[in-house]
């Protein structure tokens, strides 16, 4: 059951946007099916950020 996919060169921005759409779609399907809640997803994201030492900088002091 091998599918052939067309490849296309895209910018980093386009690739990141597609990743965002894909992640959001998966989250929505899982929540809609009642398999997980958005709070559970957010909790897991926070745990992964801590596990990998990722901190996204917010706006600086104003």
C-alpha atoms as a PDB file:
ATOM      1  CA  UNK A   1       0.000   0.000   0.000  1.00  0.00           C
ATOM      2  CA  UNK A   2       2.572   2.475  -1.166  1.00  0.00           C
ATOM      3  CA  UNK A   3       1.369   5.885  -2.258  1.00  0.00           C
ATOM      4  CA  UNK A   4       3.262   8.196  -4.543  1.00  0.00           C
ATOM      5  CA  UNK A   5       3.408  11.843  -3.532  1.00  0.00           C
ATOM      6  CA  UNK A   6       4.444  14.766  -5.653  1.00  0.00           C
ATOM      7  CA  UNK A   7       7.307  16.752  -4.219  1.00  0.00           C
ATOM      8  CA  UNK A   8       7.484  20.494  -4.354  1.00  0.00           C
ATOM      9  CA  UNK A   9      10.081  22.935  -3.123  1.00  0.00           C
ATOM     10  CA  UNK A  10       8.675  25.281  -0.514  1.00  0.00           C
ATOM     11  CA  UNK A  11      10.096  27.966   1.715  1.00  0.00           C
ATOM     12  CA  UNK A  12      10.787  27.385   5.398  1.00  0.00           C
ATOM     13  CA  UNK A  13       7.841  29.654   6.191  1.00  0.00           C
ATOM     14  CA  UNK A  14       5.492  27.567   4.015  1.00  0.00           C
ATOM     15  CA  UNK A  15       6.771  24.333   5.569  1.00  0.00           C
ATOM     16  CA  UNK A  16       6.263  25.709   9.077  1.00  0.00           C
ATOM     17  CA  UNK A  17       2.751  26.921   8.214  1.00  0.00           C
ATOM     18  CA  UNK A  18       1.863  23.471   6.853  1.00  0.00           C
ATOM     19  CA  UNK A  19       3.198  21.872  10.041  1.00  0.00           C
ATOM     20  CA  UNK A  20       0.984  24.202  12.080  1.00  0.00           C
ATOM     21  CA  UNK A  21      -2.080  23.277   9.986  1.00  0.00           C
ATOM     22  CA  UNK A  22      -1.320  19.561  10.297  1.00  0.00           C
ATOM     23  CA  UNK A  23      -0.818  19.743  14.059  1.00  0.00           C
ATOM     24  CA  UNK A  24      -4.006  21.779  14.535  1.00  0.00           C
ATOM     25  CA  UNK A  25      -6.001  19.344  12.395  1.00  0.00           C
ATOM     26  CA  UNK A  26      -4.748  16.358  14.408  1.00  0.00           C
ATOM     27  CA  UNK A  27      -5.527  18.099  17.686  1.00  0.00           C
ATOM     28  CA  UNK A  28      -9.025  19.009  16.503  1.00  0.00           C
ATOM     29  CA  UNK A  29      -9.806  15.447  15.367  1.00  0.00           C
ATOM     30  CA  UNK A  30      -8.575  13.924  18.638  1.00  0.00           C
ATOM     31  CA  UNK A  31     -10.581  16.427  20.716  1.00  0.00           C
ATOM     32  CA  UNK A  32     -13.693  16.071  18.519  1.00  0.00           C
ATOM     33  CA  UNK A  33     -13.561  12.288  18.969  1.00  0.00           C
ATOM     34  CA  UNK A  34     -13.277  12.748  22.740  1.00  0.00           C
ATOM     35  CA  UNK A  35      -9.912  10.994  22.918  1.00  0.00           C
ATOM     36  CA  UNK A  36      -8.126  13.909  24.571  1.00  0.00           C
ATOM     37  CA  UNK A  37      -8.834  17.438  25.776  1.00  0.00           C
ATOM     38  CA  UNK A  38      -7.110  20.633  24.743  1.00  0.00           C
ATOM     39  CA  UNK A  39      -5.907  20.986  28.346  1.00  0.00           C
ATOM     40  CA  UNK A  40      -4.201  17.580  28.118  1.00  0.00           C
ATOM     41  CA  UNK A  41      -2.498  18.687  24.908  1.00  0.00           C
ATOM     42  CA  UNK A  42      -1.311  21.951  26.470  1.00  0.00           C
ATOM     43  CA  UNK A  43      -0.039  20.100  29.535  1.00  0.00           C
ATOM     44  CA  UNK A  44       1.931  17.701  27.325  1.00  0.00           C
ATOM     45  CA  UNK A  45       3.360  20.578  25.276  1.00  0.00           C
ATOM     46  CA  UNK A  46       4.587  22.254  28.460  1.00  0.00           C
ATOM     47  CA  UNK A  47       6.152  18.982  29.634  1.00  0.00           C
ATOM     48  CA  UNK A  48       7.928  18.544  26.286  1.00  0.00           C
ATOM     49  CA  UNK A  49       9.220  22.116  26.379  1.00  0.00           C
ATOM     50  CA  UNK A  50      10.712  21.507  29.823  1.00  0.00           C
ATOM     51  CA  UNK A  51      12.094  18.114  28.804  1.00  0.00           C
ATOM     52  CA  UNK A  52      13.877  19.601  25.804  1.00  0.00           C
ATOM     53  CA  UNK A  53      14.833  22.893  27.417  1.00  0.00           C
ATOM     54  CA  UNK A  54      12.839  24.906  24.923  1.00  0.00           C
ATOM     55  CA  UNK A  55      11.806  28.378  25.896  1.00  0.00           C
ATOM     56  CA  UNK A  56      10.193  30.670  23.391  1.00  0.00           C
ATOM     57  CA  UNK A  57      11.025  34.289  24.067  1.00  0.00           C
ATOM     58  CA  UNK A  58       8.102  36.625  24.475  1.00  0.00           C
ATOM     59  CA  UNK A  59       8.135  40.381  24.095  1.00  0.00           C
ATOM     60  CA  UNK A  60      10.841  42.084  26.081  1.00  0.00           C
ATOM     61  CA  UNK A  61      10.294  44.675  28.793  1.00  0.00           C
ATOM     62  CA  UNK A  62       8.507  47.764  27.581  1.00  0.00           C
END
